Amino acid sequence: MRPESGIALVRHGETDWSRSGRHTGRTDVPLTETGRAEARAAVPLVRSLAPDRVRTSPLSRARETCALLDTGLDPVPDPDLAEWDYGDYEGITTAEIRTTVPGWTVWSACCPGGETAEQVAARVDRVIATCRAEPGLTLLVAHGHVLRVLAARWLGLGPDGGRHFRLDTATLSVLGWERENPVVLTWNLRSAA
């Protein structure tokens, strides 16, 4: 544990698929104009934190969001920050999945042909270990479900703990410490601008 380290999270801006609730794992869907405007609106929030380094998902919606945040830092692409692989459920909504699997959620059931929650947790555990090993604040720009799992794992919860962290597009969240205890300092903050 390194209490002097912390993580700031920014979910990518809106895409057509995020707007319609379609599971967007590995499909490289671009930002909408609204998504670009959301990312630009988050600039003052991110700048106020003055992150020491930036890591981003390799998917274009996260990379473009990161570029629009204009941190002045060179982002490190990190494949462990890619969104959950939804397998057969890629591109469809929860409501559509529930027509054949009643009550399905990504938190409680499998994604046939995709990743399990435990596999996503293993990826974000590596990201957390890297961030905790470096002093200062690391900005991560990635995706809704993977960042929610990361928040749960930061707190020592199982990956399904991510169900308790709603995360809207282009919002800022900060994970840090209270003494030696990992905590959520800010969650789902959107710029007033």
Protein backbone atom coordinates (compact mmCIF):
# COMPACT_ATOMS: atom_id res chain seq x y z
CA MET A 1 0.00 0.00 0.00
CA ARG A 2 1.19 3.48 -0.83
CA PRO A 3 -1.13 6.04 0.74
CA GLU A 4 0.64 8.79 -1.19
CA SER A 5 -0.68 7.28 -4.44
CA GLY A 6 -4.12 7.72 -5.93
CA ILE A 7 -6.13 7.11 -9.07
CA ALA A 8 -8.41 9.45 -11.00
CA LEU A 9 -10.86 7.79 -13.37
CA VAL A 10 -12.53 9.24 -16.44
CA ARG A 11 -14.99 7.19 -18.43
CA HIS A 12 -14.90 7.93 -22.16
CA GLY A 13 -17.44 10.30 -23.65
CA GLU A 14 -20.72 9.25 -25.21
CA THR A 15 -20.88 6.89 -28.19
CA ASP A 16 -23.95 5.85 -30.16
CA TRP A 17 -23.83 2.50 -28.38
CA SER A 18 -23.43 3.91 -24.87
CA ARG A 19 -26.35 6.26 -25.53
CA SER A 20 -28.58 3.34 -26.56
CA GLY A 21 -27.40 0.99 -23.77
CA ARG A 22 -25.70 -1.51 -26.07
CA HIS A 23 -22.88 -3.50 -24.49
CA THR A 24 -19.74 -2.06 -26.04
CA GLY A 25 -16.76 -4.16 -25.11
CA ARG A 26 -14.14 -4.63 -27.80
CA THR A 27 -16.04 -3.06 -30.73
CA ASP A 28 -14.23 0.17 -31.51
CA VAL A 29 -17.18 2.58 -31.59
CA PRO A 30 -16.23 6.28 -31.98
CA LEU A 31 -17.34 9.17 -29.81
CA THR A 32 -20.36 11.18 -30.84
CA GLU A 33 -20.17 14.98 -31.05
CA THR A 34 -21.87 15.00 -27.64
CA GLY A 35 -19.15 12.67 -26.36
CA ARG A 36 -16.46 15.01 -27.61
CA ALA A 37 -18.18 17.98 -25.95
CA GLU A 38 -18.46 15.99 -22.69
CA ALA A 39 -14.73 15.26 -22.77
CA ARG A 40 -13.85 18.91 -23.39
CA ALA A 41 -16.15 19.93 -20.52
CA ALA A 42 -14.18 17.64 -18.17
CA VAL A 43 -10.88 19.44 -18.85
CA PRO A 44 -11.10 21.88 -15.89
CA LEU A 45 -11.88 19.04 -13.48
CA VAL A 46 -8.95 16.96 -14.66
CA ARG A 47 -6.55 19.92 -14.75
CA SER A 48 -7.47 20.82 -11.17
CA LEU A 49 -6.10 17.44 -10.10
CA ALA A 50 -2.77 17.86 -11.93
CA PRO A 51 -2.21 14.13 -12.53
CA ASP A 52 1.35 12.87 -12.59
CA ARG A 53 0.78 10.28 -15.33
CA VAL A 54 -1.94 8.98 -17.64
CA ARG A 55 -2.87 5.46 -18.69
CA THR A 56 -5.60 4.77 -21.23
CA SER A 57 -7.50 1.92 -22.78
CA PRO A 58 -6.21 1.16 -26.27
CA LEU A 59 -9.73 1.54 -27.72
CA SER A 60 -10.27 4.70 -29.76
CA ARG A 61 -13.19 6.10 -27.72
CA ALA A 62 -10.97 6.19 -24.63
CA ARG A 63 -7.89 7.43 -26.51
CA GLU A 64 -9.87 10.26 -28.12
CA THR A 65 -11.39 11.22 -24.76
CA CYS A 66 -7.89 11.23 -23.28
CA ALA A 67 -6.58 13.46 -26.08
CA LEU A 68 -9.48 15.90 -25.60
CA LEU A 69 -8.68 16.13 -21.87
CA ASP A 70 -5.44 17.84 -22.94
CA THR A 71 -3.41 16.86 -19.86
CA GLY A 72 -0.06 17.69 -21.44
CA LEU A 73 1.11 14.20 -20.48
CA ASP A 74 1.91 11.32 -22.82
CA PRO A 75 -0.68 8.59 -22.14
CA VAL A 76 0.47 5.00 -21.79
CA PRO A 77 -1.88 2.59 -23.59
CA ASP A 78 -2.76 -0.27 -21.24
CA PRO A 79 -4.57 -3.34 -22.62
CA ASP A 80 -5.69 -4.15 -19.06
CA LEU A 81 -7.95 -1.06 -19.25
CA ALA A 82 -9.90 -2.35 -22.27
CA GLU A 83 -13.61 -2.77 -21.59
CA TRP A 84 -15.11 -6.06 -20.42
CA ASP A 85 -15.25 -8.57 -23.27
CA TYR A 86 -19.00 -9.26 -23.53
CA GLY A 87 -18.57 -12.09 -26.03
CA ASP A 88 -21.93 -13.10 -27.53
CA TYR A 89 -23.60 -10.14 -25.79
CA GLU A 90 -21.50 -7.55 -27.62
CA GLY A 91 -23.68 -4.89 -29.22
CA ILE A 92 -26.94 -5.84 -27.53
CA THR A 93 -28.77 -4.39 -24.56
CA THR A 94 -29.53 -5.89 -21.16
CA ALA A 95 -33.25 -5.87 -22.05
CA GLU A 96 -32.52 -7.95 -25.16
CA ILE A 97 -30.41 -10.42 -23.19
CA ARG A 98 -33.15 -10.76 -20.59
CA THR A 99 -35.60 -12.02 -23.21
CA THR A 100 -33.68 -15.31 -23.12
CA VAL A 101 -31.91 -15.04 -19.74
CA PRO A 102 -34.38 -13.48 -17.26
CA GLY A 103 -32.78 -11.29 -14.62
CA TRP A 104 -29.37 -11.30 -16.33
CA THR A 105 -26.77 -8.76 -15.26
CA VAL A 106 -23.11 -8.57 -16.13
CA TRP A 107 -22.44 -8.69 -12.38
CA SER A 108 -24.18 -11.97 -11.66
CA ALA A 109 -24.05 -14.11 -14.79
CA CYS A 110 -21.63 -15.04 -17.52
CA CYS A 111 -21.08 -13.48 -20.91
CA PRO A 112 -20.90 -16.52 -23.22
CA GLY A 113 -17.75 -16.31 -25.31
CA GLY A 114 -16.49 -13.36 -23.26
CA GLU A 115 -14.79 -12.62 -19.95
CA THR A 116 -15.87 -13.51 -16.45
CA ALA A 117 -15.98 -10.91 -13.69
CA GLU A 118 -12.95 -12.63 -12.15
CA GLN A 119 -10.96 -12.22 -15.36
CA VAL A 120 -11.79 -8.51 -15.48
CA ALA A 121 -10.81 -8.25 -11.80
CA ALA A 122 -7.43 -9.86 -12.51
CA ARG A 123 -6.76 -7.23 -15.18
CA VAL A 124 -7.68 -4.28 -12.99
CA ASP A 125 -5.74 -5.72 -10.06
CA ARG A 126 -2.62 -5.39 -12.23
CA VAL A 127 -3.53 -1.77 -13.02
CA ILE A 128 -4.07 -0.99 -9.34
CA ALA A 129 -0.75 -2.59 -8.38
CA THR A 130 1.05 -0.46 -10.98
CA CYS A 131 -0.66 2.73 -9.79
CA ARG A 132 -0.02 2.00 -6.11
CA ALA A 133 3.67 1.40 -6.83
CA GLU A 134 4.07 4.95 -8.15
CA PRO A 135 3.73 8.04 -5.93
CA GLY A 136 1.30 10.71 -7.01
CA LEU A 137 -1.90 10.60 -9.00
CA THR A 138 -2.47 8.39 -12.03
CA LEU A 139 -5.28 9.33 -14.41
CA LEU A 140 -6.99 6.33 -16.04
CA VAL A 141 -9.22 6.92 -19.08
CA ALA A 142 -11.27 3.86 -19.91
CA HIS A 143 -14.78 2.39 -19.87
CA GLY A 144 -17.80 2.06 -17.61
CA HIS A 145 -17.75 -1.55 -16.47
CA VAL A 146 -13.98 -1.99 -16.24
CA LEU A 147 -13.65 1.19 -14.16
CA ARG A 148 -16.50 0.12 -11.88
CA VAL A 149 -14.72 -3.20 -11.26
CA LEU A 150 -11.52 -1.25 -10.63
CA ALA A 151 -13.25 0.90 -8.00
CA ALA A 152 -14.59 -2.20 -6.26
CA ARG A 153 -11.17 -3.86 -6.28
CA TRP A 154 -9.50 -0.64 -5.00
CA LEU A 155 -11.74 -0.94 -1.94
CA GLY A 156 -11.00 -4.65 -1.52
CA LEU A 157 -14.43 -5.76 -2.75
CA GLY A 158 -15.17 -8.55 -5.18
CA PRO A 159 -15.65 -7.55 -8.82
CA ASP A 160 -19.44 -7.68 -8.42
CA GLY A 161 -19.09 -4.74 -6.02
CA GLY A 162 -18.88 -2.62 -9.17
CA ARG A 163 -22.68 -2.87 -9.36
CA HIS A 164 -22.84 -0.18 -6.67
CA PHE A 165 -20.94 2.45 -8.68
CA ARG A 166 -22.98 4.11 -11.42
CA LEU A 167 -20.55 5.73 -13.84
CA ASP A 168 -21.76 8.15 -16.47
CA THR A 169 -19.86 9.13 -19.61
CA ALA A 170 -17.02 11.66 -19.31
CA THR A 171 -17.30 11.90 -15.53
CA LEU A 172 -14.44 12.14 -13.05
CA SER A 173 -13.98 9.92 -10.01
CA VAL A 174 -11.06 9.83 -7.59
CA LEU A 175 -9.82 6.92 -5.50
CA GLY A 176 -7.45 7.64 -2.65
CA TRP A 177 -6.75 7.00 1.00
CA GLU A 178 -7.92 7.82 4.50
CA ARG A 179 -4.84 6.94 6.50
CA GLU A 180 -4.07 3.36 5.36
CA ASN A 181 -7.61 2.66 4.12
CA PRO A 182 -8.44 2.85 0.41
CA VAL A 183 -11.51 5.07 -0.13
CA VAL A 184 -13.61 6.77 -2.80
CA LEU A 185 -12.88 10.49 -2.59
CA THR A 186 -15.13 11.65 -5.44
CA TRP A 187 -17.51 9.73 -7.68
CA ASN A 188 -19.23 10.44 -11.01
CA LEU A 189 -18.47 14.16 -10.99
CA ARG A 190 -19.50 16.13 -14.07
CA SER A 191 -18.34 19.63 -14.85
CA ALA A 192 -20.94 22.34 -14.35
CA ALA A 193 -19.78 23.96 -17.60
